[in-house]
Amino acid sequence: MTNRLLAALIGVGGGLGLAPAVAQAPAPQLPAAYAFHRIPAPAEPGAIPLYASAAQPAGASKSTEIWDTMGGKRVVRNVTLPTLTPVLPDPARATGAAVVVAPGGGYTALAMDGEGWPVARWLADHGVAAFVLKYRLNPSPEDEQALMRKIAAGLSAPKDGKVSLVLNDPAASEDALAAIRMVRDGAAKWKIDPARVGLIGFSAGANTVLDVALNAKAADMPNFAGSIYGPMVAAAVPAHAPPLFTALALDDPLFGGQGFGVVDSWRKAGRPVEVHGYERGGHGFGVGKPGTSTTMLLPEFLAWMQSRGLLAKGK
């Protein structure tokens, strides 16, 4: 997925509130390598509906979902029935820590192959129980050709790179909080510590992580949080905000030029924060872009968890 395509996809979703700073040029054609291609819905063994039947969101239905490949990786669109899929470690390696994983995709799609399942499997391989969150999305055209035309119309990014940001997707944040509650409620079943439940998100998922970390009640907060290539602007951080791990590539065309206001805000609030700025990697590098130091993202996140005592067995 190219950086410009990601910017356009976020624009289609609207969830990040990206607004052009200058007039748009005529829309180019969507690169063929990143076209959407319909595929059958894959099996999702172990996926759990996030809400009980009586509490399902209005209009929730598995039948609304559309699965495509984009750039050879699977994405899902038009999610109205949110789910949580446990990816559990070998009991012999389990640390008791847990992380809810929120993929990105501009609130229009979820990059399940890029920022969902691989992240969860890596964490589980290293003793951390992972839970992939398939959260509700904004509607997109059912027809792939119509969707691609809409995305192509947003490909003319502003030349000065300036964007505005609004944390404004309440359904995704509501689903993230419900996922945290579900994991804590199932702590005995999944053999995890309910006081070591984190939330990590990528791009739009990172946007959701920050929305939760800035606005949730203390009892609903994750115990730690990871914002991966998310917004870096300053924010009003509450006294009960969770410890934050944040990372992005400095050449990120969306958030790389915003400075590190969010880090300064966490520090001013007296809350723990760690930041990793990679020289190269662009936006959307997932578990790491080959040939760049972004491949160290997950090991560094795990090392941060270790340094905070989150991986101590039997804690």
Protein backbone atom coordinates (compact mmCIF):
# COMPACT_ATOMS: atom_id res chain seq x y z
CA MET A 1 0.00 0.00 0.00
CA THR A 2 1.57 3.30 -1.05
CA ASN A 3 1.71 6.33 1.21
CA ARG A 4 -0.48 8.38 -1.13
CA LEU A 5 -3.01 5.57 -1.41
CA LEU A 6 -3.19 5.34 2.37
CA ALA A 7 -3.80 9.07 2.58
CA ALA A 8 -6.58 8.76 0.04
CA LEU A 9 -8.13 5.80 1.84
CA ILE A 10 -8.20 7.80 5.07
CA GLY A 11 -9.85 10.61 3.17
CA VAL A 12 -12.54 8.25 1.88
CA GLY A 13 -13.28 7.07 5.41
CA GLY A 14 -13.33 10.55 6.81
CA GLY A 15 -12.66 9.27 10.31
CA LEU A 16 -9.37 11.09 10.74
CA GLY A 17 -10.76 14.39 9.51
CA LEU A 18 -7.95 14.98 7.02
CA ALA A 19 -8.67 18.20 5.16
CA PRO A 20 -6.78 19.50 2.09
CA ALA A 21 -4.83 22.67 2.74
CA VAL A 22 -4.87 23.66 -0.93
CA ALA A 23 -7.05 23.09 -3.99
CA GLN A 24 -7.00 19.56 -5.36
CA ALA A 25 -5.55 18.75 -8.78
CA PRO A 26 -7.44 16.45 -11.19
CA ALA A 27 -7.61 12.96 -9.70
CA PRO A 28 -5.13 10.43 -11.08
CA GLN A 29 -5.92 6.80 -11.73
CA LEU A 30 -5.55 4.32 -8.92
CA PRO A 31 -2.37 2.25 -9.48
CA ALA A 32 -3.30 -1.20 -10.74
CA ALA A 33 -1.11 -2.89 -8.14
CA TYR A 34 -3.32 -1.44 -5.40
CA ALA A 35 -6.73 -2.10 -6.87
CA PHE A 36 -9.35 -3.85 -4.76
CA HIS A 37 -10.26 -7.40 -5.75
CA ARG A 38 -13.19 -9.24 -4.17
CA ILE A 39 -12.41 -12.51 -2.39
CA PRO A 40 -14.53 -14.93 -0.39
CA ALA A 41 -14.68 -14.14 3.30
CA PRO A 42 -11.91 -16.11 5.01
CA ALA A 43 -12.53 -18.37 7.96
CA GLU A 44 -12.11 -16.57 11.26
CA PRO A 45 -11.86 -19.40 13.76
CA GLY A 46 -12.47 -18.28 17.30
CA ALA A 47 -13.94 -14.87 16.40
CA ILE A 48 -16.31 -13.72 19.15
CA PRO A 49 -19.10 -11.16 18.62
CA LEU A 50 -18.14 -8.12 20.67
CA TYR A 51 -21.65 -7.54 21.95
CA ALA A 52 -24.35 -9.88 23.18
CA SER A 53 -27.25 -10.31 20.73
CA ALA A 54 -29.48 -7.89 22.63
CA ALA A 55 -26.76 -5.24 22.62
CA GLN A 56 -25.63 -5.49 19.00
CA PRO A 57 -25.34 -2.16 17.16
CA ALA A 58 -28.32 -1.27 14.99
CA GLY A 59 -28.02 -2.84 11.56
CA ALA A 60 -25.26 -5.23 12.64
CA SER A 61 -24.92 -8.13 10.25
CA LYS A 62 -22.11 -10.38 9.11
CA SER A 63 -23.63 -10.23 5.61
CA THR A 64 -22.65 -6.57 5.17
CA GLU A 65 -18.93 -7.35 5.22
CA ILE A 66 -16.88 -7.27 2.05
CA TRP A 67 -13.45 -8.86 1.82
CA ASP A 68 -10.95 -7.73 -0.78
CA THR A 69 -7.27 -7.99 -1.49
CA MET A 70 -5.36 -4.77 -1.95
CA GLY A 71 -1.71 -4.97 -2.89
CA GLY A 72 -1.96 -8.73 -2.32
CA LYS A 73 -3.12 -8.36 1.30
CA ARG A 74 -6.57 -9.01 2.70
CA VAL A 75 -8.72 -6.15 3.94
CA VAL A 76 -12.29 -6.11 5.18
CA ARG A 77 -14.82 -3.34 4.60
CA ASN A 78 -18.33 -2.41 5.74
CA VAL A 79 -17.96 -4.03 9.14
CA THR A 80 -21.12 -3.57 11.22
CA LEU A 81 -20.78 -6.67 13.43
CA PRO A 82 -17.58 -6.13 15.46
CA THR A 83 -15.67 -9.16 16.69
CA LEU A 84 -12.67 -10.07 18.80
CA THR A 85 -10.43 -12.98 17.83
CA PRO A 86 -8.10 -14.45 20.48
CA VAL A 87 -4.61 -15.49 19.37
CA LEU A 88 -3.16 -17.20 22.42
CA PRO A 89 0.41 -18.16 23.28
CA ASP A 90 1.68 -21.62 24.10
CA PRO A 91 0.85 -22.06 27.81
CA ALA A 92 4.52 -22.83 28.47
CA ARG A 93 5.48 -19.36 27.17
CA ALA A 94 2.48 -17.37 28.39
CA THR A 95 3.38 -14.31 30.45
CA GLY A 96 -0.14 -13.37 31.55
CA ALA A 97 -0.04 -10.10 29.61
CA ALA A 98 -2.64 -9.36 26.93
CA VAL A 99 -2.92 -6.87 24.07
CA VAL A 100 -5.94 -5.89 21.96
CA VAL A 101 -4.78 -5.19 18.39
CA ALA A 102 -6.62 -2.52 16.35
CA PRO A 103 -5.63 -2.51 12.64
CA GLY A 104 -5.82 0.64 10.54
CA GLY A 105 -7.40 1.54 7.23
CA GLY A 106 -8.88 5.01 7.54
CA TYR A 107 -12.10 3.76 9.16
CA THR A 108 -13.03 2.49 5.68
CA ALA A 109 -11.20 -0.84 5.71
CA LEU A 110 -9.17 -2.92 8.15
CA ALA A 111 -5.71 -4.09 7.08
CA MET A 112 -6.04 -7.55 8.57
CA ASP A 113 -3.01 -9.03 6.78
CA GLY A 114 -0.83 -5.97 7.39
CA GLU A 115 -1.69 -4.77 10.89
CA GLY A 116 -3.97 -7.38 12.45
CA TRP A 117 -3.24 -11.09 12.31
CA PRO A 118 0.57 -10.88 11.86
CA VAL A 119 0.88 -8.55 14.85
CA ALA A 120 -1.23 -10.88 16.99
CA ARG A 121 0.70 -13.99 15.95
CA TRP A 122 4.03 -12.30 16.72
CA LEU A 123 2.88 -11.27 20.16
CA ALA A 124 1.51 -14.75 20.90
CA ASP A 125 4.79 -16.30 19.77
CA HIS A 126 6.46 -14.15 22.44
CA GLY A 127 4.14 -15.09 25.26
CA VAL A 128 1.56 -12.29 25.02
CA ALA A 129 -2.11 -13.15 24.54
CA ALA A 130 -3.34 -11.10 21.57
CA PHE A 131 -6.88 -10.25 20.53
CA VAL A 132 -7.56 -8.90 17.03
CA LEU A 133 -10.31 -6.29 17.06
CA LYS A 134 -12.48 -6.07 13.97
CA TYR A 135 -14.23 -2.81 14.75
CA ARG A 136 -17.09 -1.05 13.02
CA LEU A 137 -16.28 0.99 9.92
CA ASN A 138 -17.78 3.77 7.86
CA PRO A 139 -19.74 2.48 4.84
CA SER A 140 -17.99 2.30 1.48
CA PRO A 141 -19.32 1.52 -2.01
CA GLU A 142 -20.09 -2.16 -2.38
CA ASP A 143 -18.74 -2.21 -5.92
CA GLU A 144 -14.93 -2.22 -6.04
CA GLN A 145 -14.81 -0.09 -9.19
CA ALA A 146 -16.93 2.59 -7.51
CA LEU A 147 -14.72 2.41 -4.45
CA MET A 148 -11.56 2.77 -6.52
CA ARG A 149 -12.98 5.79 -8.34
CA LYS A 150 -13.74 7.39 -4.98
CA ILE A 151 -10.25 6.67 -3.69
CA ALA A 152 -8.64 7.94 -6.89
CA ALA A 153 -10.55 11.19 -6.43
CA GLY A 154 -8.71 11.68 -3.15
CA LEU A 155 -5.22 10.88 -4.40
CA SER A 156 -4.23 14.46 -5.10
CA ALA A 157 -2.72 15.22 -1.69
CA PRO A 158 -2.04 18.87 -0.76
CA LYS A 159 1.40 19.90 -1.93
CA ASP A 160 2.43 21.39 1.40
CA GLY A 161 1.46 18.20 3.22
CA LYS A 162 -0.60 20.03 5.84
CA VAL A 163 -3.52 18.14 7.31
CA SER A 164 -5.93 18.73 10.16
CA LEU A 165 -6.89 16.05 12.62
CA VAL A 166 -10.04 15.37 14.59
CA LEU A 167 -10.52 12.34 16.83
CA ASN A 168 -14.04 11.63 15.73
CA ASP A 169 -14.95 8.00 15.24
CA PRO A 170 -16.98 7.09 18.32
CA ALA A 171 -18.02 3.63 17.10
CA ALA A 172 -14.41 2.45 16.82
CA SER A 173 -13.58 3.82 20.27
CA GLU A 174 -16.69 2.22 21.75
CA ASP A 175 -15.65 -1.11 20.24
CA ALA A 176 -12.11 -0.77 21.61
CA LEU A 177 -13.47 -0.19 25.13
CA ALA A 178 -15.84 -3.15 24.76
CA ALA A 179 -12.89 -5.30 23.68
CA ILE A 180 -10.89 -4.33 26.77
CA ARG A 181 -13.86 -5.22 28.97
CA MET A 182 -14.30 -8.56 27.22
CA VAL A 183 -10.64 -9.48 27.67
CA ARG A 184 -10.70 -8.56 31.36
CA ASP A 185 -13.97 -10.43 31.90
CA GLY A 186 -12.45 -13.52 30.26
CA ALA A 187 -9.18 -13.34 32.19
CA ALA A 188 -9.66 -16.68 33.95
CA LYS A 189 -10.65 -18.45 30.72
CA TRP A 190 -7.71 -17.05 28.78
CA LYS A 191 -5.28 -17.25 31.72
CA ILE A 192 -4.32 -13.60 31.65
CA ASP A 193 -3.89 -10.91 34.27
CA PRO A 194 -6.78 -8.40 34.04
CA ALA A 195 -4.39 -5.71 35.33
CA ARG A 196 -2.07 -6.22 32.34
CA VAL A 197 -4.39 -5.63 29.38
CA GLY A 198 -3.06 -3.26 26.72
CA LEU A 199 -4.29 -1.75 23.47
CA ILE A 200 -2.14 -1.21 20.38
CA GLY A 201 -3.33 0.39 17.16
CA PHE A 202 -1.97 1.28 13.75
CA SER A 203 -2.88 4.46 11.80
CA ALA A 204 -6.66 4.81 12.27
CA GLY A 205 -6.30 2.16 14.97
CA ALA A 206 -3.70 4.38 16.64
CA ASN A 207 -6.14 7.27 16.36
CA THR A 208 -8.63 5.11 18.26
CA VAL A 209 -6.02 4.18 20.87
CA LEU A 210 -5.36 7.86 21.57
CA ASP A 211 -9.06 8.67 21.69
CA VAL A 212 -9.52 5.96 24.33
CA ALA A 213 -6.39 6.97 26.27
CA LEU A 214 -7.46 10.63 26.37
CA ASN A 215 -11.16 10.23 27.09
CA ALA A 216 -12.04 6.93 28.76
CA LYS A 217 -12.94 6.66 32.42
CA ALA A 218 -10.15 5.41 34.68
CA ALA A 219 -11.85 2.03 35.24
CA ASP A 220 -12.15 1.45 31.47
CA MET A 221 -8.61 2.44 30.48
CA PRO A 222 -6.17 -0.11 29.06
CA ASN A 223 -3.25 -0.70 31.42
CA PHE A 224 -0.83 0.36 28.66
CA ALA A 225 -1.17 1.60 25.11
CA GLY A 226 0.69 1.62 21.79
CA SER A 227 0.11 4.24 19.08
CA ILE A 228 1.86 3.17 15.86
CA TYR A 229 2.14 5.80 13.09
CA GLY A 230 -0.74 7.71 14.64
CA PRO A 231 -1.23 11.45 15.16
CA MET A 232 1.52 13.26 17.06
CA VAL A 233 -0.24 16.53 17.90
CA ALA A 234 -0.44 17.84 21.46
CA ALA A 235 -3.43 16.82 23.54
CA ALA A 236 -4.94 17.29 26.99
CA VAL A 237 -3.75 14.16 28.80
CA PRO A 238 -5.71 13.09 31.90
CA ALA A 239 -3.98 12.11 35.12
CA HIS A 240 -5.17 8.51 34.68
CA ALA A 241 -3.87 8.10 31.09
CA PRO A 242 -2.07 4.79 30.53
CA PRO A 243 1.68 4.48 29.86
CA LEU A 244 2.14 5.13 26.14
CA PHE A 245 4.48 3.64 23.54
CA THR A 246 4.44 5.60 20.30
CA ALA A 247 6.36 5.02 17.07
CA LEU A 248 6.40 6.37 13.54
CA ALA A 249 8.70 6.87 10.57
CA LEU A 250 9.99 10.43 10.31
CA ASP A 251 9.19 10.42 6.59
CA ASP A 252 5.53 9.54 7.29
CA PRO A 253 3.58 11.80 4.89
CA LEU A 254 0.58 12.03 7.23
CA PHE A 255 1.97 12.46 10.73
CA GLY A 256 5.75 12.75 10.31
CA GLY A 257 5.76 16.55 10.17
CA GLN A 258 3.65 17.21 13.27
CA GLY A 259 6.49 17.22 15.77
CA PHE A 260 6.11 15.25 19.00
CA GLY A 261 3.39 17.17 20.79
CA VAL A 262 1.65 14.03 22.02
CA VAL A 263 4.88 12.90 23.70
CA ASP A 264 5.35 16.30 25.34
CA SER A 265 1.74 16.19 26.51
CA TRP A 266 2.20 12.81 28.18
CA ARG A 267 5.35 14.07 29.90
CA LYS A 268 3.69 17.28 31.10
CA ALA A 269 0.89 15.19 32.59
CA GLY A 270 3.47 13.14 34.47
CA ARG A 271 2.53 9.96 32.63
CA PRO A 272 5.07 7.42 31.30
CA VAL A 273 5.80 7.64 27.57
CA GLU A 274 8.32 6.16 25.14
CA VAL A 275 8.84 7.32 21.56
CA HIS A 276 10.62 5.72 18.59
CA GLY A 277 11.23 7.76 15.45
CA TYR A 278 12.53 5.75 12.48
CA GLU A 279 14.46 7.48 9.72
CA ARG A 280 12.52 5.80 6.91
CA GLY A 281 9.44 3.66 6.53
CA GLY A 282 6.64 5.94 5.39
CA HIS A 283 3.10 5.35 6.57
CA GLY A 284 1.65 1.90 6.98
CA PHE A 285 4.81 -0.16 7.49
CA GLY A 286 2.94 -2.71 9.62
CA VAL A 287 5.27 -5.16 11.34
CA GLY A 288 8.19 -3.54 9.51
CA LYS A 289 9.30 -2.41 6.07
CA PRO A 290 12.23 -4.53 4.85
CA GLY A 291 15.48 -2.59 4.63
CA THR A 292 14.49 -0.12 7.34
CA SER A 293 14.76 -0.09 11.12
CA THR A 294 10.95 -0.25 11.35
CA THR A 295 11.43 -4.03 11.45
CA MET A 296 12.41 -3.48 15.09
CA LEU A 297 8.95 -2.15 16.01
CA LEU A 298 7.51 -5.23 17.69
CA PRO A 299 10.74 -6.25 19.46
CA GLU A 300 10.99 -2.70 20.81
CA PHE A 301 7.36 -2.74 21.93
CA LEU A 302 7.98 -6.04 23.71
CA ALA A 303 11.17 -4.66 25.31
CA TRP A 304 9.17 -1.69 26.56
CA MET A 305 6.57 -4.05 28.05
CA GLN A 306 9.41 -5.98 29.70
CA SER A 307 10.93 -2.80 31.12
CA ARG A 308 7.59 -1.92 32.70
CA GLY A 309 7.27 -5.32 34.38
CA LEU A 310 4.35 -6.34 32.17
CA LEU A 311 5.83 -9.69 31.15
CA ALA A 312 6.62 -11.08 34.60
CA LYS A 313 4.96 -14.48 34.89
CA GLY A 314 2.75 -14.95 37.90
CA LYS A 315 2.69 -11.23 38.63
